Amino acid sequence: MKNPLETFQKECPELQKAYAGVIDALIQSKGIDAKTKQLIYIAMKVVTDDMNAVRYHVPMAKAAGATRDEIKDAIALTVTVNGLKGVSTFLPQALEIFDN
């Protein structure tokens, strides 16, 4: 599967550069540590039904020190927003990604 961000960069370089600046500013902000940011991203992406993003953020969360249980809890929290859909759709795949 081709990385969608690479296509974005190739096809819309100026917009991608501006977007990257926003992402960099969020990464550099000091209010929330990197691991927690990644867990929040995972939960937000589950709620917005974005499996591609979850595939990228689970390894990033793991690299930032997140545990399997923390990934599981981040996804489980989404049950209060979109019911069992997030848990049933995303949890198995996210844990498989984490484990591999």
N, C-alpha and C. Protein backbone atom coordinates (compact mmCIF):
# COMPACT_ATOMS: atom_id res chain seq x y z
N MET A 1 0.85 -1.18 0.00
CA MET A 1 0.00 0.00 0.00
C MET A 1 0.90 1.24 0.00
N LYS A 2 0.63 2.14 -0.91
CA LYS A 2 1.41 3.36 -1.00
C LYS A 2 1.06 4.30 0.16
N ASN A 3 2.07 4.93 0.70
CA ASN A 3 1.88 5.87 1.80
C ASN A 3 1.10 7.08 1.28
N PRO A 4 -0.09 7.34 1.82
CA PRO A 4 -0.90 8.47 1.33
C PRO A 4 -0.23 9.82 1.56
N LEU A 5 0.63 9.91 2.56
CA LEU A 5 1.33 11.17 2.80
C LEU A 5 2.36 11.45 1.71
N GLU A 6 2.93 10.39 1.14
CA GLU A 6 3.85 10.58 0.02
C GLU A 6 3.12 11.14 -1.19
N THR A 7 1.93 10.63 -1.45
CA THR A 7 1.13 11.15 -2.56
C THR A 7 0.77 12.60 -2.30
N PHE A 8 0.39 12.91 -1.08
CA PHE A 8 0.06 14.29 -0.69
C PHE A 8 1.26 15.20 -0.96
N GLN A 9 2.43 14.75 -0.56
CA GLN A 9 3.65 15.55 -0.74
C GLN A 9 3.96 15.75 -2.22
N LYS A 10 3.81 14.72 -3.01
CA LYS A 10 4.11 14.79 -4.44
C LYS A 10 3.11 15.68 -5.18
N GLU A 11 1.85 15.51 -4.87
CA GLU A 11 0.79 16.18 -5.63
C GLU A 11 0.47 17.59 -5.13
N CYS A 12 0.70 17.85 -3.86
CA CYS A 12 0.36 19.15 -3.26
C CYS A 12 1.51 19.63 -2.37
N PRO A 13 2.69 19.85 -2.94
CA PRO A 13 3.87 20.11 -2.10
C PRO A 13 3.76 21.32 -1.19
N GLU A 14 3.19 22.41 -1.64
CA GLU A 14 3.10 23.61 -0.79
C GLU A 14 2.12 23.39 0.36
N LEU A 15 1.00 22.77 0.07
CA LEU A 15 0.02 22.48 1.12
C LEU A 15 0.60 21.48 2.12
N GLN A 16 1.29 20.47 1.62
CA GLN A 16 1.90 19.48 2.50
C GLN A 16 2.93 20.13 3.40
N LYS A 17 3.71 21.07 2.87
CA LYS A 17 4.72 21.76 3.67
C LYS A 17 4.06 22.55 4.80
N ALA A 18 2.96 23.24 4.50
CA ALA A 18 2.24 23.99 5.53
C ALA A 18 1.65 23.04 6.57
N TYR A 19 1.08 21.94 6.11
CA TYR A 19 0.52 20.94 7.01
C TYR A 19 1.61 20.37 7.92
N ALA A 20 2.77 20.07 7.36
CA ALA A 20 3.88 19.54 8.14
C ALA A 20 4.30 20.52 9.23
N GLY A 21 4.21 21.82 8.94
CA GLY A 21 4.53 22.82 9.95
C GLY A 21 3.57 22.76 11.13
N VAL A 22 2.30 22.55 10.85
CA VAL A 22 1.30 22.41 11.92
C VAL A 22 1.61 21.16 12.75
N ILE A 23 1.88 20.07 12.08
CA ILE A 23 2.19 18.82 12.79
C ILE A 23 3.44 18.98 13.64
N ASP A 24 4.47 19.62 13.08
CA ASP A 24 5.69 19.86 13.85
C ASP A 24 5.42 20.69 15.10
N ALA A 25 4.58 21.72 14.95
CA ALA A 25 4.24 22.55 16.11
C ALA A 25 3.53 21.72 17.19
N LEU A 26 2.65 20.82 16.78
CA LEU A 26 1.96 19.97 17.74
C LEU A 26 2.94 19.01 18.42
N ILE A 27 3.85 18.46 17.65
CA ILE A 27 4.85 17.54 18.21
C ILE A 27 5.74 18.26 19.22
N GLN A 28 6.11 19.48 18.91
CA GLN A 28 7.03 20.24 19.76
C GLN A 28 6.37 20.84 21.00
N SER A 29 5.03 20.93 21.01
CA SER A 29 4.37 21.51 22.17
C SER A 29 4.68 20.66 23.41
N LYS A 30 4.74 21.28 24.56
CA LYS A 30 5.21 20.62 25.78
C LYS A 30 4.11 20.23 26.76
N GLY A 31 2.85 20.53 26.45
CA GLY A 31 1.78 20.29 27.40
C GLY A 31 1.46 18.82 27.63
N ILE A 32 1.66 17.99 26.61
CA ILE A 32 1.36 16.56 26.70
C ILE A 32 2.57 15.81 26.17
N ASP A 33 2.97 14.75 26.86
CA ASP A 33 4.13 13.98 26.41
C ASP A 33 3.81 13.21 25.13
N ALA A 34 4.85 12.77 24.43
CA ALA A 34 4.71 12.13 23.12
C ALA A 34 3.85 10.87 23.17
N LYS A 35 4.03 10.05 24.20
CA LYS A 35 3.25 8.82 24.30
C LYS A 35 1.76 9.13 24.42
N THR A 36 1.42 10.06 25.28
CA THR A 36 0.01 10.42 25.48
C THR A 36 -0.58 11.01 24.21
N LYS A 37 0.20 11.84 23.50
CA LYS A 37 -0.28 12.40 22.23
C LYS A 37 -0.63 11.28 21.26
N GLN A 38 0.23 10.28 21.18
CA GLN A 38 -0.04 9.18 20.25
C GLN A 38 -1.29 8.40 20.66
N LEU A 39 -1.48 8.19 21.94
CA LEU A 39 -2.69 7.50 22.40
C LEU A 39 -3.94 8.31 22.07
N ILE A 40 -3.85 9.62 22.22
CA ILE A 40 -4.98 10.49 21.86
C ILE A 40 -5.23 10.42 20.37
N TYR A 41 -4.16 10.48 19.57
CA TYR A 41 -4.32 10.37 18.12
C TYR A 41 -5.04 9.07 17.76
N ILE A 42 -4.64 7.97 18.38
CA ILE A 42 -5.27 6.68 18.08
C ILE A 42 -6.76 6.75 18.38
N ALA A 43 -7.12 7.25 19.55
CA ALA A 43 -8.54 7.34 19.90
C ALA A 43 -9.29 8.24 18.93
N MET A 44 -8.70 9.38 18.56
CA MET A 44 -9.37 10.29 17.62
C MET A 44 -9.54 9.63 16.26
N LYS A 45 -8.54 8.90 15.82
CA LYS A 45 -8.62 8.26 14.51
C LYS A 45 -9.61 7.11 14.51
N VAL A 46 -9.75 6.42 15.62
CA VAL A 46 -10.79 5.39 15.72
C VAL A 46 -12.17 6.03 15.60
N VAL A 47 -12.37 7.12 16.32
CA VAL A 47 -13.67 7.81 16.29
C VAL A 47 -14.00 8.32 14.88
N THR A 48 -12.97 8.73 14.14
CA THR A 48 -13.21 9.24 12.79
C THR A 48 -13.10 8.14 11.73
N ASP A 49 -13.00 6.89 12.17
CA ASP A 49 -13.01 5.72 11.29
C ASP A 49 -11.85 5.75 10.29
N ASP A 50 -10.66 6.06 10.77
CA ASP A 50 -9.49 6.21 9.92
C ASP A 50 -8.47 5.10 10.22
N MET A 51 -8.69 3.94 9.63
CA MET A 51 -7.81 2.79 9.88
C MET A 51 -6.39 3.05 9.42
N ASN A 52 -6.23 3.74 8.30
CA ASN A 52 -4.87 4.04 7.83
C ASN A 52 -4.07 4.75 8.90
N ALA A 53 -4.66 5.77 9.51
CA ALA A 53 -3.95 6.53 10.54
C ALA A 53 -3.65 5.66 11.76
N VAL A 54 -4.58 4.81 12.13
CA VAL A 54 -4.35 3.92 13.28
C VAL A 54 -3.16 3.01 12.98
N ARG A 55 -3.06 2.52 11.74
CA ARG A 55 -1.93 1.66 11.35
C ARG A 55 -0.60 2.37 11.54
N TYR A 56 -0.56 3.67 11.33
CA TYR A 56 0.67 4.43 11.48
C TYR A 56 0.92 4.84 12.94
N HIS A 57 -0.16 5.17 13.66
CA HIS A 57 0.03 5.70 15.01
C HIS A 57 0.29 4.63 16.07
N VAL A 58 -0.18 3.40 15.87
CA VAL A 58 0.10 2.35 16.86
C VAL A 58 1.60 2.12 16.99
N PRO A 59 2.35 1.92 15.90
CA PRO A 59 3.80 1.76 16.07
C PRO A 59 4.47 3.01 16.65
N MET A 60 3.95 4.18 16.31
CA MET A 60 4.52 5.41 16.86
C MET A 60 4.28 5.48 18.36
N ALA A 61 3.09 5.06 18.80
CA ALA A 61 2.80 5.03 20.24
C ALA A 61 3.70 4.03 20.95
N LYS A 62 3.87 2.87 20.34
CA LYS A 62 4.74 1.84 20.92
C LYS A 62 6.17 2.36 21.04
N ALA A 63 6.64 3.02 20.00
CA ALA A 63 8.00 3.59 20.03
C ALA A 63 8.14 4.67 21.09
N ALA A 64 7.03 5.35 21.40
CA ALA A 64 7.06 6.39 22.43
C ALA A 64 6.89 5.82 23.83
N GLY A 65 6.76 4.49 23.92
CA GLY A 65 6.68 3.84 25.23
C GLY A 65 5.32 3.34 25.64
N ALA A 66 4.33 3.41 24.76
CA ALA A 66 2.99 2.93 25.10
C ALA A 66 2.99 1.41 25.22
N THR A 67 2.23 0.93 26.17
CA THR A 67 2.08 -0.51 26.36
C THR A 67 0.87 -1.01 25.57
N ARG A 68 0.78 -2.31 25.45
CA ARG A 68 -0.37 -2.94 24.79
C ARG A 68 -1.66 -2.54 25.50
N ASP A 69 -1.63 -2.55 26.83
CA ASP A 69 -2.82 -2.19 27.60
C ASP A 69 -3.22 -0.73 27.37
N GLU A 70 -2.24 0.15 27.19
CA GLU A 70 -2.56 1.56 26.93
C GLU A 70 -3.21 1.73 25.55
N ILE A 71 -2.73 0.99 24.57
CA ILE A 71 -3.35 1.02 23.24
C ILE A 71 -4.79 0.52 23.36
N LYS A 72 -4.95 -0.57 24.07
CA LYS A 72 -6.28 -1.17 24.26
C LYS A 72 -7.22 -0.18 24.95
N ASP A 73 -6.75 0.47 25.99
CA ASP A 73 -7.59 1.44 26.71
C ASP A 73 -7.95 2.65 25.86
N ALA A 74 -7.00 3.13 25.06
CA ALA A 74 -7.27 4.28 24.19
C ALA A 74 -8.41 3.95 23.22
N ILE A 75 -8.39 2.75 22.69
CA ILE A 75 -9.45 2.34 21.77
C ILE A 75 -10.73 2.05 22.53
N ALA A 76 -10.64 1.42 23.68
CA ALA A 76 -11.83 1.11 24.48
C ALA A 76 -12.58 2.38 24.88
N LEU A 77 -11.86 3.45 25.12
CA LEU A 77 -12.51 4.72 25.49
C LEU A 77 -13.47 5.22 24.41
N THR A 78 -13.22 4.83 23.18
CA THR A 78 -14.07 5.33 22.09
C THR A 78 -15.47 4.74 22.12
N VAL A 79 -15.68 3.71 22.93
CA VAL A 79 -17.02 3.11 23.03
C VAL A 79 -18.05 4.13 23.51
N THR A 80 -17.60 5.12 24.27
CA THR A 80 -18.53 6.14 24.76
C THR A 80 -18.93 7.13 23.68
N VAL A 81 -18.18 7.16 22.58
CA VAL A 81 -18.47 8.10 21.50
C VAL A 81 -19.18 7.42 20.34
N ASN A 82 -18.67 6.26 19.91
CA ASN A 82 -19.28 5.61 18.76
C ASN A 82 -19.63 4.15 18.99
N GLY A 83 -19.93 3.80 20.22
CA GLY A 83 -20.40 2.46 20.51
C GLY A 83 -19.36 1.40 20.25
N LEU A 84 -19.81 0.20 19.95
CA LEU A 84 -18.90 -0.93 19.77
C LEU A 84 -18.17 -0.92 18.44
N LYS A 85 -18.56 -0.05 17.53
CA LYS A 85 -17.94 -0.05 16.20
C LYS A 85 -16.43 0.12 16.28
N GLY A 86 -15.96 1.09 17.02
CA GLY A 86 -14.53 1.32 17.12
C GLY A 86 -13.80 0.15 17.73
N VAL A 87 -14.37 -0.40 18.77
CA VAL A 87 -13.73 -1.52 19.45
C VAL A 87 -13.72 -2.75 18.55
N SER A 88 -14.85 -3.06 17.94
CA SER A 88 -14.91 -4.27 17.12
C SER A 88 -14.14 -4.14 15.82
N THR A 89 -14.06 -2.95 15.27
CA THR A 89 -13.36 -2.75 14.01
C THR A 89 -11.87 -2.54 14.19
N PHE A 90 -11.48 -1.75 15.18
CA PHE A 90 -10.10 -1.31 15.30
C PHE A 90 -9.26 -2.09 16.31
N LEU A 91 -9.86 -2.54 17.39
CA LEU A 91 -9.07 -3.17 18.45
C LEU A 91 -8.29 -4.40 17.97
N PRO A 92 -8.92 -5.34 17.28
CA PRO A 92 -8.14 -6.51 16.86
C PRO A 92 -6.95 -6.15 15.96
N GLN A 93 -7.17 -5.26 15.02
CA GLN A 93 -6.08 -4.88 14.11
C GLN A 93 -5.00 -4.09 14.82
N ALA A 94 -5.39 -3.19 15.69
CA ALA A 94 -4.40 -2.38 16.42
C ALA A 94 -3.53 -3.26 17.30
N LEU A 95 -4.13 -4.23 17.97
CA LEU A 95 -3.34 -5.11 18.82
C LEU A 95 -2.43 -6.02 18.00
N GLU A 96 -2.91 -6.46 16.84
CA GLU A 96 -2.07 -7.26 15.95
C GLU A 96 -0.85 -6.44 15.48
N ILE A 97 -1.10 -5.19 15.13
CA ILE A 97 0.00 -4.30 14.72
C ILE A 97 0.98 -4.12 15.87
N PHE A 98 0.44 -3.89 17.06
CA PHE A 98 1.30 -3.71 18.23
C PHE A 98 2.16 -4.94 18.48
N ASP A 99 1.55 -6.11 18.37
CA ASP A 99 2.25 -7.36 18.68
C ASP A 99 3.31 -7.74 17.64
N ASN A 100 3.18 -7.19 16.46
CA ASN A 100 4.13 -7.58 15.39
C ASN A 100 5.12 -6.52 15.16
